[in-house]
N, C-alpha and C. Protein backbone atom coordinates (compact mmCIF):
# COMPACT_ATOMS: atom_id res chain seq x y z
N MET A 1 -60.00 -38.87 -60.78
CA MET A 1 -60.28 -37.69 -59.79
C MET A 1 -61.38 -38.24 -58.95
N ASP A 2 -62.22 -39.04 -59.52
CA ASP A 2 -63.39 -39.45 -58.91
C ASP A 2 -62.64 -40.17 -57.42
N GLY A 3 -61.82 -41.02 -57.75
CA GLY A 3 -61.30 -41.62 -56.27
C GLY A 3 -60.63 -40.51 -55.31
N LEU A 4 -59.75 -39.71 -55.74
CA LEU A 4 -59.29 -38.63 -55.12
C LEU A 4 -59.97 -37.83 -54.22
N TYR A 5 -61.57 -37.51 -55.08
CA TYR A 5 -62.44 -36.82 -54.24
C TYR A 5 -63.41 -37.70 -53.20
N ARG A 6 -63.17 -38.98 -53.40
CA ARG A 6 -63.98 -39.83 -52.34
C ARG A 6 -63.10 -39.71 -51.21
N ILE A 7 -61.58 -39.77 -51.24
CA ILE A 7 -60.59 -39.78 -50.39
C ILE A 7 -60.83 -38.71 -49.60
N GLU A 8 -60.81 -37.55 -50.06
CA GLU A 8 -60.77 -36.20 -49.52
C GLU A 8 -62.04 -35.80 -48.76
N THR A 9 -63.43 -36.39 -49.13
CA THR A 9 -64.42 -36.21 -48.16
C THR A 9 -64.36 -37.08 -47.07
N THR A 10 -64.14 -38.52 -47.21
CA THR A 10 -64.07 -39.29 -46.41
C THR A 10 -63.25 -39.00 -45.28
N GLY A 11 -61.86 -38.36 -45.53
CA GLY A 11 -60.88 -37.96 -44.62
C GLY A 11 -60.34 -39.35 -43.83
N PHE A 12 -60.02 -38.96 -42.78
CA PHE A 12 -59.16 -40.19 -42.07
C PHE A 12 -59.54 -41.50 -42.60
N ALA A 13 -60.86 -41.66 -42.23
CA ALA A 13 -61.53 -43.12 -42.61
C ALA A 13 -61.45 -43.36 -43.82
N GLY A 14 -61.38 -42.65 -45.06
CA GLY A 14 -61.20 -43.09 -46.19
C GLY A 14 -59.45 -43.73 -46.62
N TRP A 15 -58.65 -42.84 -45.80
CA TRP A 15 -56.99 -43.34 -45.98
C TRP A 15 -56.77 -44.59 -45.12
N ALA A 16 -57.76 -44.76 -43.95
CA ALA A 16 -57.36 -46.03 -43.31
C ALA A 16 -58.06 -47.02 -44.26
N ARG A 17 -59.09 -47.06 -44.79
CA ARG A 17 -59.43 -48.21 -46.14
C ARG A 17 -58.63 -48.38 -46.73
N LEU A 18 -58.28 -47.25 -47.35
CA LEU A 18 -57.22 -47.31 -48.75
C LEU A 18 -56.45 -48.28 -48.42
N TYR A 19 -55.44 -48.04 -47.42
CA TYR A 19 -54.24 -48.78 -47.15
C TYR A 19 -54.53 -50.03 -46.03
N GLY A 20 -55.82 -50.13 -45.59
CA GLY A 20 -55.95 -51.65 -44.98
C GLY A 20 -55.76 -51.13 -43.63
N LEU A 21 -56.03 -50.28 -43.11
CA LEU A 21 -55.40 -49.88 -41.65
C LEU A 21 -57.05 -50.01 -40.75
N ALA A 22 -57.98 -49.89 -41.63
CA ALA A 22 -59.13 -50.00 -40.88
C ALA A 22 -59.32 -51.42 -40.06
N ARG A 23 -58.85 -52.50 -40.28
CA ARG A 23 -58.92 -53.70 -39.50
C ARG A 23 -58.09 -53.44 -38.17
N ILE A 24 -57.36 -52.53 -37.86
CA ILE A 24 -56.63 -52.72 -36.58
C ILE A 24 -57.63 -52.08 -35.77
N PRO A 25 -57.42 -52.58 -34.48
CA PRO A 25 -58.46 -52.41 -33.21
C PRO A 25 -58.43 -51.01 -32.97
N GLY A 26 -57.17 -50.38 -32.66
CA GLY A 26 -57.07 -49.54 -32.09
C GLY A 26 -57.66 -48.10 -32.99
N LEU A 27 -57.23 -48.00 -34.29
CA LEU A 27 -57.56 -47.30 -35.12
C LEU A 27 -58.97 -47.35 -35.72
N THR A 28 -59.63 -48.32 -35.23
CA THR A 28 -60.84 -48.26 -35.75
C THR A 28 -62.01 -47.35 -34.93
N ARG A 29 -61.60 -47.12 -33.64
CA ARG A 29 -62.19 -46.10 -32.83
C ARG A 29 -61.73 -44.77 -33.11
N LEU A 30 -60.28 -44.67 -33.23
CA LEU A 30 -60.12 -43.42 -33.99
C LEU A 30 -60.71 -43.04 -35.27
N ASN A 31 -60.76 -43.92 -35.87
CA ASN A 31 -61.52 -43.67 -37.44
C ASN A 31 -63.29 -43.42 -37.16
N ARG A 32 -63.69 -43.91 -36.31
CA ARG A 32 -65.22 -43.43 -36.39
C ARG A 32 -65.04 -41.81 -35.36
N TYR A 33 -64.04 -41.47 -34.82
CA TYR A 33 -63.72 -40.01 -34.05
C TYR A 33 -63.57 -39.28 -35.18
N PHE A 34 -62.65 -39.11 -36.07
CA PHE A 34 -62.45 -38.57 -37.04
C PHE A 34 -63.57 -38.54 -38.17
N SER A 35 -64.36 -39.56 -38.32
CA SER A 35 -64.87 -39.49 -39.53
C SER A 35 -66.80 -39.27 -39.18
N GLY A 36 -66.77 -38.57 -37.92
CA GLY A 36 -67.96 -37.75 -37.82
C GLY A 36 -68.79 -38.87 -36.57
N GLY A 37 -68.10 -39.82 -36.05
CA GLY A 37 -68.81 -40.73 -35.01
C GLY A 37 -69.14 -40.02 -33.72
N PRO A 38 -69.24 -40.76 -32.71
CA PRO A 38 -69.65 -39.72 -31.36
C PRO A 38 -68.76 -38.97 -31.08
N GLU A 39 -69.49 -37.92 -30.52
CA GLU A 39 -68.63 -36.47 -30.21
C GLU A 39 -67.64 -36.55 -28.99
N ASN A 40 -68.05 -37.69 -27.98
CA ASN A 40 -67.08 -37.86 -27.13
C ASN A 40 -65.99 -38.55 -27.53
N PRO A 41 -64.72 -37.93 -27.44
CA PRO A 41 -63.43 -38.62 -27.87
C PRO A 41 -63.08 -39.62 -27.06
N PRO A 42 -61.94 -40.46 -27.73
CA PRO A 42 -61.70 -41.72 -26.92
C PRO A 42 -60.93 -41.41 -25.51
N ALA A 43 -60.71 -42.19 -24.86
CA ALA A 43 -60.32 -42.11 -23.38
C ALA A 43 -58.70 -41.77 -23.78
N PHE A 44 -58.02 -42.06 -24.54
CA PHE A 44 -56.27 -42.11 -24.75
C PHE A 44 -56.25 -40.75 -24.99
N THR A 45 -57.37 -39.99 -26.07
CA THR A 45 -57.19 -38.47 -26.42
C THR A 45 -57.47 -37.73 -25.18
N ARG A 46 -58.54 -38.06 -24.23
CA ARG A 46 -58.81 -37.02 -23.09
C ARG A 46 -57.30 -37.20 -22.41
N GLY A 47 -56.86 -38.31 -22.21
CA GLY A 47 -55.56 -38.38 -21.20
C GLY A 47 -54.36 -37.81 -22.06
N PHE A 48 -54.25 -37.92 -23.39
CA PHE A 48 -53.11 -36.97 -23.99
C PHE A 48 -53.32 -35.70 -23.81
N PHE A 49 -54.60 -34.88 -24.26
CA PHE A 49 -54.59 -33.67 -23.87
C PHE A 49 -54.65 -33.09 -22.19
N GLY A 50 -54.96 -33.94 -21.23
CA GLY A 50 -54.82 -33.77 -19.71
C GLY A 50 -53.07 -33.48 -19.39
N LEU A 51 -52.48 -34.55 -19.87
CA LEU A 51 -51.01 -34.85 -19.91
C LEU A 51 -50.15 -33.37 -20.34
N LEU A 52 -50.80 -32.93 -21.46
CA LEU A 52 -50.35 -31.99 -22.19
C LEU A 52 -50.37 -30.80 -21.24
N ALA A 53 -51.62 -30.35 -20.67
CA ALA A 53 -51.99 -29.33 -19.83
C ALA A 53 -51.18 -29.36 -18.72
N VAL A 54 -50.96 -30.58 -18.36
CA VAL A 54 -50.05 -30.14 -17.00
C VAL A 54 -48.58 -30.03 -17.18
N LEU A 55 -48.14 -30.59 -18.21
CA LEU A 55 -46.83 -30.25 -18.60
C LEU A 55 -46.52 -28.74 -19.20
N LEU A 56 -47.77 -28.09 -19.78
CA LEU A 56 -47.45 -26.84 -19.75
C LEU A 56 -47.57 -25.82 -18.82
N ALA A 57 -48.64 -26.28 -17.64
CA ALA A 57 -48.70 -25.78 -16.59
C ALA A 57 -47.22 -25.65 -15.59
N GLY A 58 -46.70 -26.64 -15.68
CA GLY A 58 -45.19 -26.89 -14.96
C GLY A 58 -44.49 -26.31 -15.61
N LEU A 59 -44.29 -26.16 -16.93
CA LEU A 59 -43.54 -25.13 -17.65
C LEU A 59 -43.56 -23.71 -17.17
N GLY A 60 -44.69 -23.53 -17.33
CA GLY A 60 -45.00 -21.87 -17.01
C GLY A 60 -44.45 -21.43 -15.70
N ALA A 61 -44.78 -22.56 -14.56
CA ALA A 61 -44.37 -22.22 -13.51
C ALA A 61 -43.21 -22.19 -13.34
N TRP A 62 -42.28 -23.12 -14.07
CA TRP A 62 -40.55 -23.08 -13.77
C TRP A 62 -40.06 -21.79 -14.27
N VAL A 63 -40.62 -21.14 -15.43
CA VAL A 63 -40.25 -20.15 -16.09
C VAL A 63 -40.25 -18.75 -15.00
N LEU A 64 -41.30 -18.91 -14.71
CA LEU A 64 -41.98 -17.67 -13.76
C LEU A 64 -41.05 -17.85 -12.17
N LEU A 65 -40.56 -18.96 -11.62
CA LEU A 65 -39.94 -19.25 -10.52
C LEU A 65 -38.40 -18.81 -11.13
N SER A 66 -38.05 -19.15 -12.19
CA SER A 66 -36.40 -18.73 -12.62
C SER A 66 -36.36 -17.20 -12.91
N GLY A 67 -37.56 -16.63 -13.27
CA GLY A 67 -37.26 -15.39 -13.52
C GLY A 67 -37.41 -14.56 -12.19
N ALA A 68 -38.34 -15.02 -11.49
CA ALA A 68 -38.39 -14.25 -9.98
C ALA A 68 -37.04 -14.44 -9.25
N GLY A 69 -36.17 -15.72 -9.47
CA GLY A 69 -35.03 -15.74 -8.59
C GLY A 69 -34.06 -14.81 -9.12
N ASN A 70 -33.54 -15.13 -10.54
CA ASN A 70 -32.73 -13.92 -11.29
C ASN A 70 -32.93 -12.40 -10.99
N SER A 71 -34.05 -12.04 -10.90
CA SER A 71 -34.39 -10.73 -10.63
C SER A 71 -34.01 -10.44 -9.04
N THR A 72 -34.39 -11.47 -8.09
CA THR A 72 -34.17 -11.14 -6.78
C THR A 72 -32.52 -11.15 -6.59
N ALA A 73 -31.82 -12.19 -7.41
CA ALA A 73 -30.35 -12.11 -7.15
C ALA A 73 -29.54 -10.68 -7.77
N GLU A 74 -30.31 -10.18 -8.53
CA GLU A 74 -29.46 -9.29 -9.60
C GLU A 74 -29.97 -7.95 -8.73
N SER A 75 -31.02 -7.61 -7.70
CA SER A 75 -31.51 -6.72 -7.21
C SER A 75 -30.67 -6.64 -5.52
N GLU A 76 -30.47 -7.86 -5.12
CA GLU A 76 -29.52 -7.65 -3.53
C GLU A 76 -28.37 -7.11 -3.69
N PRO A 77 -27.54 -7.02 -4.60
CA PRO A 77 -26.36 -6.38 -4.67
C PRO A 77 -26.39 -4.68 -4.78
N GLU A 78 -27.63 -4.27 -5.64
CA GLU A 78 -27.87 -3.06 -5.67
C GLU A 78 -28.37 -2.51 -4.38
N ARG A 79 -29.30 -3.12 -3.65
CA ARG A 79 -30.02 -3.00 -2.03
C ARG A 79 -28.88 -2.67 -1.37
N LEU A 80 -27.62 -3.69 -1.62
CA LEU A 80 -26.49 -3.58 -0.54
C LEU A 80 -25.98 -2.39 -0.87
N ALA A 81 -25.46 -2.15 -2.06
CA ALA A 81 -24.77 -0.73 -2.51
C ALA A 81 -25.64 0.42 -1.96
N THR A 82 -27.10 0.58 -2.27
CA THR A 82 -27.43 1.39 -2.18
C THR A 82 -27.64 1.81 -0.43
N ALA A 83 -27.65 0.68 0.45
CA ALA A 83 -27.77 0.66 2.01
C ALA A 83 -26.18 1.19 2.27
N ALA A 84 -25.22 0.98 1.39
CA ALA A 84 -23.68 1.49 1.99
C ALA A 84 -23.87 2.97 1.66
N LEU A 85 -24.30 3.21 0.57
CA LEU A 85 -24.02 5.02 0.41
C LEU A 85 -25.04 5.63 1.04
N THR A 86 -26.15 5.05 1.60
CA THR A 86 -26.94 5.92 2.25
C THR A 86 -27.00 5.95 3.29
N GLU A 87 -25.91 5.17 3.96
CA GLU A 87 -25.70 5.02 5.45
C GLU A 87 -25.82 6.52 6.32
N PRO A 88 -26.34 6.67 6.85
CA PRO A 88 -26.43 7.79 7.85
C PRO A 88 -24.96 8.05 8.75
N VAL A 89 -24.36 9.47 8.45
CA VAL A 89 -23.33 9.82 9.63
C VAL A 89 -23.83 9.98 11.08
N GLN A 90 -23.38 9.22 12.03
CA GLN A 90 -23.64 9.43 13.06
C GLN A 90 -23.41 10.89 13.86
N PRO A 91 -24.15 11.61 14.24
CA PRO A 91 -24.15 13.14 14.57
C PRO A 91 -23.32 12.97 16.01
N PRO A 92 -22.44 13.89 16.09
CA PRO A 92 -21.71 13.61 17.35
C PRO A 92 -22.39 13.76 18.50
N THR A 93 -22.07 13.22 19.78
CA THR A 93 -22.84 13.30 20.85
C THR A 93 -22.48 14.31 21.63
N PRO A 94 -23.57 15.01 22.27
CA PRO A 94 -23.77 16.34 22.91
C PRO A 94 -22.46 16.22 24.10
N GLN A 95 -21.94 15.24 24.74
CA GLN A 95 -20.49 15.29 25.40
C GLN A 95 -19.28 15.64 24.21
N ASN A 96 -19.14 15.22 23.44
CA ASN A 96 -18.40 15.44 22.20
C ASN A 96 -18.46 16.89 21.41
N ALA A 97 -19.89 17.31 21.08
CA ALA A 97 -19.84 18.75 20.81
C ALA A 97 -19.43 19.86 21.85
N GLN A 98 -19.92 19.59 23.41
CA GLN A 98 -19.67 20.50 24.14
C GLN A 98 -17.81 20.47 24.33
N GLU A 99 -17.20 19.30 24.41
CA GLU A 99 -15.61 19.50 24.43
C GLU A 99 -15.13 20.21 23.24
N ALA A 100 -15.82 19.86 21.90
CA ALA A 100 -15.00 20.48 20.82
C ALA A 100 -15.25 22.03 20.87
N ALA A 101 -16.35 22.64 21.65
CA ALA A 101 -17.06 23.98 21.53
C ALA A 101 -15.90 24.57 22.76
N LEU A 102 -15.60 23.92 23.71
CA LEU A 102 -14.73 24.66 24.79
C LEU A 102 -13.62 25.15 24.17
N PRO A 103 -12.77 26.34 24.41
CA PRO A 103 -11.84 27.10 23.76
C PRO A 103 -10.64 26.11 24.48
N ASN A 104 -9.63 26.40 23.45
CA ASN A 104 -8.26 25.94 24.31
C ASN A 104 -7.69 26.66 25.25
N PRO A 105 -7.29 26.03 26.53
CA PRO A 105 -6.98 26.74 27.59
C PRO A 105 -5.74 27.71 27.67
N ALA A 106 -5.46 28.99 27.79
CA ALA A 106 -4.79 29.66 27.35
C ALA A 106 -3.32 29.44 28.63
N PRO A 107 -2.02 29.30 28.26
CA PRO A 107 -1.17 29.42 29.05
C PRO A 107 -1.28 30.04 30.29
N ALA A 108 -0.74 29.41 31.45
CA ALA A 108 -0.86 30.31 32.62
C ALA A 108 0.09 31.54 32.76
N ALA A 109 -0.42 32.69 33.20
CA ALA A 109 0.08 33.82 33.31
C ALA A 109 0.98 33.97 34.53
N LEU A 110 1.97 34.54 34.49
CA LEU A 110 2.76 34.87 35.53
C LEU A 110 2.50 35.81 36.78
N PRO A 111 2.46 35.75 37.91
CA PRO A 111 1.83 36.52 38.68
C PRO A 111 2.45 37.90 38.40
N GLN A 112 1.53 39.06 38.66
CA GLN A 112 2.15 40.39 38.76
C GLN A 112 3.10 40.59 39.46
N GLY A 113 4.46 41.22 39.00
CA GLY A 113 5.70 41.66 39.89
C GLY A 113 6.90 40.47 39.74
N VAL A 114 6.45 39.13 38.97
CA VAL A 114 7.31 38.21 39.27
C VAL A 114 7.53 37.90 37.83
N ALA A 115 8.99 38.16 37.33
CA ALA A 115 9.59 38.01 36.03
C ALA A 115 9.99 36.73 35.78
N ALA A 116 9.94 36.40 34.38
CA ALA A 116 10.63 34.87 34.17
C ALA A 116 12.15 35.09 34.09
N ASP A 117 12.31 33.82 34.55
CA ASP A 117 14.02 33.70 34.55
C ASP A 117 14.65 33.95 33.54
N VAL A 118 15.63 35.07 33.68
CA VAL A 118 16.42 35.42 32.56
C VAL A 118 17.87 35.25 33.11
N ALA A 119 18.62 34.50 32.02
CA ALA A 119 20.08 34.22 32.20
C ALA A 119 20.85 35.39 32.93
N PRO A 120 21.68 35.47 33.79
CA PRO A 120 22.36 36.25 34.08
C PRO A 120 23.27 37.00 33.26
N VAL A 121 23.69 36.52 31.77
CA VAL A 121 24.48 37.06 30.87
C VAL A 121 23.78 38.04 29.84
N ASN A 122 22.40 37.89 30.09
CA ASN A 122 21.62 38.58 29.50
C ASN A 122 21.70 40.09 29.77
N GLY A 123 21.80 40.13 30.92
CA GLY A 123 21.91 41.43 31.63
C GLY A 123 23.15 42.27 31.53
N LEU A 124 24.30 41.38 31.11
CA LEU A 124 25.55 42.00 30.54
C LEU A 124 25.55 42.51 29.45
N LYS A 125 26.71 43.34 29.41
CA LYS A 125 26.83 43.96 28.14
C LYS A 125 28.48 44.64 27.90
N ILE A 126 29.12 44.65 26.92
CA ILE A 126 30.67 45.37 27.12
C ILE A 126 30.35 46.30 26.19
N SER A 127 30.58 47.54 27.28
CA SER A 127 30.46 49.04 26.51
C SER A 127 31.57 49.56 25.61
N SER A 128 32.77 48.69 25.92
CA SER A 128 34.09 49.09 25.39
C SER A 128 34.95 48.02 25.46
N GLN A 129 35.83 48.10 24.25
CA GLN A 129 36.68 47.06 24.44
C GLN A 129 38.14 47.26 23.48
N SER A 130 39.31 46.77 23.43
CA SER A 130 40.34 47.13 22.92
C SER A 130 41.43 46.05 23.06
N TRP A 131 42.40 45.90 22.46
CA TRP A 131 43.42 44.71 22.41
C TRP A 131 44.77 45.37 21.99
N ARG A 132 45.98 45.00 22.40
CA ARG A 132 47.23 45.07 22.20
C ARG A 132 48.10 43.77 22.30
N ARG A 133 49.30 43.85 21.58
CA ARG A 133 50.23 42.58 22.03
C ARG A 133 51.07 42.90 23.13
N GLY A 134 51.70 42.13 23.67
CA GLY A 134 52.21 41.87 24.96
C GLY A 134 53.38 40.95 24.97
N GLY A 135 54.44 41.12 25.82
CA GLY A 135 55.80 40.34 25.43
C GLY A 135 56.34 40.55 24.74
N LEU A 136 56.77 39.41 23.88
CA LEU A 136 57.33 39.32 22.42
C LEU A 136 56.51 39.56 21.39
N GLY A 137 55.32 39.87 21.57
CA GLY A 137 54.42 40.01 20.51
C GLY A 137 53.35 39.09 20.39
N SER A 138 53.33 37.76 21.24
CA SER A 138 52.67 36.73 21.27
C SER A 138 51.36 36.91 22.30
N LYS A 139 51.37 37.79 23.08
CA LYS A 139 50.52 37.84 23.94
C LYS A 139 49.26 38.75 23.45
N ALA A 140 48.05 38.26 23.98
CA ALA A 140 46.90 39.00 23.36
C ALA A 140 46.41 39.83 24.69
N LEU A 141 46.56 40.66 25.15
CA LEU A 141 46.19 41.69 26.13
C LEU A 141 45.03 42.45 25.77
N VAL A 142 43.75 42.13 26.44
CA VAL A 142 42.57 42.68 26.12
C VAL A 142 42.06 43.85 27.32
N THR A 143 41.50 44.73 26.91
CA THR A 143 41.10 45.78 27.61
C THR A 143 39.48 45.98 27.74
N LEU A 144 38.59 45.79 28.49
CA LEU A 144 37.09 45.96 28.23
C LEU A 144 36.57 46.28 29.51
N THR A 145 35.18 47.10 29.30
CA THR A 145 34.39 47.40 30.45
C THR A 145 33.05 47.02 30.05
N LEU A 146 32.69 46.10 31.45
CA LEU A 146 31.49 45.78 31.53
C LEU A 146 30.52 46.26 32.37
N ARG A 147 29.11 46.35 31.79
CA ARG A 147 28.16 46.91 32.25
C ARG A 147 27.03 46.02 32.96
N ASN A 148 26.50 45.94 34.03
CA ASN A 148 25.58 44.86 34.65
C ASN A 148 24.36 45.43 34.59
N GLY A 149 23.79 45.19 33.98
CA GLY A 149 22.08 45.76 34.07
C GLY A 149 21.13 45.08 34.84
N ASN A 150 21.69 43.95 35.68
CA ASN A 150 20.61 43.08 36.28
C ASN A 150 20.39 43.54 37.64
N ASP A 151 19.63 42.91 38.61
CA ASP A 151 19.15 43.40 39.75
C ASP A 151 19.82 42.90 40.69
N TYR A 152 20.93 42.12 40.62
CA TYR A 152 22.02 41.41 41.11
C TYR A 152 23.23 41.34 40.46
N ALA A 153 24.14 41.07 41.58
CA ALA A 153 25.64 41.20 41.11
C ALA A 153 25.98 39.70 40.31
N VAL A 154 26.78 39.73 39.56
CA VAL A 154 27.33 38.59 38.82
C VAL A 154 28.67 38.51 38.88
N LYS A 155 29.23 36.95 38.59
CA LYS A 155 30.64 36.71 38.58
C LYS A 155 30.85 35.64 37.69
N ASP A 156 32.13 34.96 37.85
CA ASP A 156 32.32 34.00 36.81
C ASP A 156 31.97 34.23 35.36
N ILE A 157 32.49 35.31 34.93
CA ILE A 157 31.89 35.66 33.44
C ILE A 157 32.77 35.33 32.50
N GLU A 158 32.49 34.49 31.54
CA GLU A 158 33.59 34.11 30.53
C GLU A 158 33.21 34.89 29.18
N ILE A 159 34.36 35.17 28.51
CA ILE A 159 34.19 35.97 27.20
C ILE A 159 34.80 35.07 26.14
N LEU A 160 34.58 35.35 24.81
CA LEU A 160 35.33 34.68 23.62
C LEU A 160 35.73 35.83 22.84
N CYS A 161 37.36 35.87 22.55
CA CYS A 161 37.74 36.67 21.54
C CYS A 161 38.13 36.14 20.40
N SER A 162 37.42 36.55 19.29
CA SER A 162 38.06 36.10 17.78
C SER A 162 38.94 37.04 17.21
N PHE A 163 40.08 36.43 16.69
CA PHE A 163 41.07 37.03 16.05
C PHE A 163 40.70 36.92 14.91
N THR A 164 40.97 38.15 13.64
CA THR A 164 41.12 38.14 12.47
C THR A 164 42.15 38.25 11.91
N ARG A 165 42.85 38.19 10.50
CA ARG A 165 43.78 38.77 9.81
C ARG A 165 43.39 40.24 8.98
N ARG A 166 44.38 40.79 8.57
CA ARG A 166 44.30 41.97 8.02
C ARG A 166 43.06 41.83 6.83
N ASP A 167 42.90 40.73 6.00
CA ASP A 167 42.17 40.95 5.34
C ASP A 167 40.68 40.26 5.83
N GLY A 168 40.52 40.42 6.98
CA GLY A 168 39.25 40.17 7.54
C GLY A 168 38.72 38.74 7.90
N SER A 169 39.82 37.87 7.57
CA SER A 169 39.42 36.24 7.51
C SER A 169 39.65 35.81 9.10
N HIS A 170 39.01 34.57 9.37
CA HIS A 170 39.12 34.23 10.74
C HIS A 170 40.53 33.86 10.96
N LEU A 171 41.14 34.10 11.91
CA LEU A 171 42.47 33.28 12.28
C LEU A 171 42.17 32.39 13.63
N THR A 172 41.79 32.95 14.66
CA THR A 172 41.84 31.98 15.72
C THR A 172 40.99 32.53 16.96
N ASP A 173 40.37 31.65 18.10
CA ASP A 173 39.83 32.02 19.04
C ASP A 173 40.38 31.68 20.60
N ARG A 174 40.16 32.79 21.32
CA ARG A 174 40.47 32.60 22.70
C ARG A 174 39.55 32.95 23.60
N ARG A 175 39.44 32.11 24.79
CA ARG A 175 38.38 32.04 26.07
C ARG A 175 39.12 32.61 27.29
N ARG A 176 38.28 33.41 27.63
CA ARG A 176 38.97 33.85 29.37
C ARG A 176 37.81 33.91 30.27
N MET A 177 38.12 33.41 31.61
CA MET A 177 36.96 33.32 32.74
C MET A 177 37.42 34.44 33.54
N ILE A 178 36.54 35.55 33.74
CA ILE A 178 36.65 36.71 34.61
C ILE A 178 35.98 36.29 36.00
N HIS A 179 36.60 35.97 37.04
CA HIS A 179 36.27 35.73 38.26
C HIS A 179 35.92 36.61 39.24
N GLU A 180 36.10 37.86 39.05
CA GLU A 180 35.92 38.98 39.72
C GLU A 180 34.16 39.26 39.60
N THR A 181 33.79 40.10 40.66
CA THR A 181 32.59 40.30 40.76
C THR A 181 32.02 41.61 40.01
N VAL A 182 30.87 41.82 39.33
CA VAL A 182 30.46 42.96 39.04
C VAL A 182 29.06 43.25 39.53
N ASN A 183 29.08 44.27 40.45
CA ASN A 183 27.97 44.50 41.10
C ASN A 183 26.61 44.90 40.31
N MET A 184 25.46 45.06 41.00
CA MET A 184 24.50 45.19 40.02
C MET A 184 24.07 46.57 39.66
N LYS A 185 23.66 46.90 38.30
CA LYS A 185 23.42 48.17 38.11
C LYS A 185 24.84 49.18 38.09
N SER A 186 25.96 48.46 37.59
CA SER A 186 27.30 49.01 37.95
C SER A 186 28.12 48.82 36.29
N ARG A 187 29.26 49.54 36.52
CA ARG A 187 30.06 49.18 35.49
C ARG A 187 31.29 48.86 36.25
N LYS A 188 32.61 48.02 35.28
CA LYS A 188 33.88 47.88 35.91
C LYS A 188 34.48 47.63 34.92
N THR A 189 35.65 48.26 34.65
CA THR A 189 36.67 47.63 33.72
C THR A 189 37.83 47.08 34.09
N PHE A 190 38.24 46.17 32.95
CA PHE A 190 39.21 45.19 33.29
C PHE A 190 40.54 45.51 32.06
N THR A 191 41.47 45.96 32.95
CA THR A 191 42.50 46.57 31.89
C THR A 191 43.68 45.27 31.57
N ARG A 192 44.10 45.35 30.40
CA ARG A 192 44.90 44.12 29.71
C ARG A 192 45.09 42.83 30.23
N MET A 193 43.79 42.45 30.08
CA MET A 193 44.03 41.04 30.74
C MET A 193 44.40 40.21 29.40
N HIS A 194 45.22 39.05 30.10
CA HIS A 194 45.65 38.38 29.04
C HIS A 194 45.01 37.08 28.71
N VAL A 195 44.30 36.94 27.77
CA VAL A 195 43.50 35.88 27.21
C VAL A 195 43.96 34.78 26.20
N GLY A 196 45.46 35.05 25.97
CA GLY A 196 45.88 33.62 25.14
C GLY A 196 47.19 34.62 24.36
N PHE A 197 47.58 33.29 23.66
CA PHE A 197 48.63 33.56 22.75
C PHE A 197 48.26 33.47 21.17
N VAL A 198 48.57 34.39 20.67
CA VAL A 198 48.28 34.70 19.37
C VAL A 198 49.67 34.82 18.05
N ASN A 199 49.25 34.55 16.95
CA ASN A 199 50.70 34.35 16.14
C ASN A 199 50.67 36.19 15.49
N VAL A 200 51.82 36.08 14.66
CA VAL A 200 51.76 37.64 13.87
C VAL A 200 50.96 37.82 13.04
N ASN A 201 50.13 36.99 12.49
CA ASN A 201 49.00 37.59 11.51
C ASN A 201 47.78 38.11 12.27
N ALA A 202 47.55 38.20 13.50
CA ALA A 202 46.27 38.68 14.13
C ALA A 202 46.53 40.11 13.86
N HIS A 203 45.47 40.47 13.48
CA HIS A 203 45.17 41.87 13.20
C HIS A 203 44.46 42.68 14.22
N GLN A 204 43.22 42.01 14.27
CA GLN A 204 41.98 42.79 15.01
C GLN A 204 41.30 41.56 15.99
N ALA A 205 40.73 42.03 17.02
CA ALA A 205 40.16 41.24 18.00
C ALA A 205 38.73 41.63 18.40
N ARG A 206 37.90 40.84 18.41
CA ARG A 206 36.33 41.32 19.02
C ARG A 206 36.10 40.15 20.15
N CYS A 207 35.57 40.55 21.42
CA CYS A 207 35.52 39.88 22.10
C CYS A 207 33.66 39.92 22.75
N SER A 208 33.05 38.78 23.11
CA SER A 208 31.88 38.59 23.29
C SER A 208 31.44 37.95 24.66
N LEU A 209 30.26 37.95 25.31
CA LEU A 209 30.09 37.54 26.39
C LEU A 209 29.53 36.01 26.10
N VAL A 210 29.82 35.02 27.09
CA VAL A 210 29.43 33.54 26.87
C VAL A 210 28.65 33.10 28.13
N THR A 211 29.07 33.11 29.16
CA THR A 211 28.37 32.94 30.41
C THR A 211 28.64 33.68 31.54
N ALA A 212 27.64 33.73 32.79
CA ALA A 212 27.67 34.46 33.80
C ALA A 212 27.12 33.88 34.95
N SER A 213 27.29 34.09 36.21
CA SER A 213 26.79 33.34 37.13
C SER A 213 26.20 34.45 37.98
N ARG A 214 25.03 34.15 38.84
CA ARG A 214 24.38 35.06 39.54
C ARG A 214 24.72 34.85 41.15
N ILE A 215 24.96 35.91 41.67
CA ILE A 215 25.39 35.72 43.08
C ILE A 215 24.42 36.11 44.03
């Protein structure tokens, strides 16, 4: 116990003497330092702590720079996205706004007293019509009266006559061109005009106007 007490009280110097390390030149100065020698530490101790301080300062600077670089890289896409979302819409220029405010031009109206062109056939009307068979029963003879409501005479009037069976089903069609003239605001009857040949199944006929020419 007395030996252990001496080693504990003498500290590092006691351990050096115990194991024969006191004779090593470098450890002699370290022994004096830890055993209550001069207060000024050896030169290599000051250099060691100086190097350690430089390393710690460099490590701290590297950590700060790395954190700043990562935060800058992460915030850059956010700034770009925010700029894209908040980009203001360009307001319309005064010229475009004036053009949009202008009303659509209305179609040009015809001068008073000038009527639009109307087909001559639109002023004609068949006021009455009938048909009968002729010859040996194969000819279709039509009698009709035309009324011309136009302000001019017409001619070359084409009619279309449709023939049906007794049950009302369609049988055939026949056309006829009337080259005679019908004066304006007048009527004219055409009696027993031959419009074509039909078979024995034709029961009824109905004629309509197709075209007409203005004179």
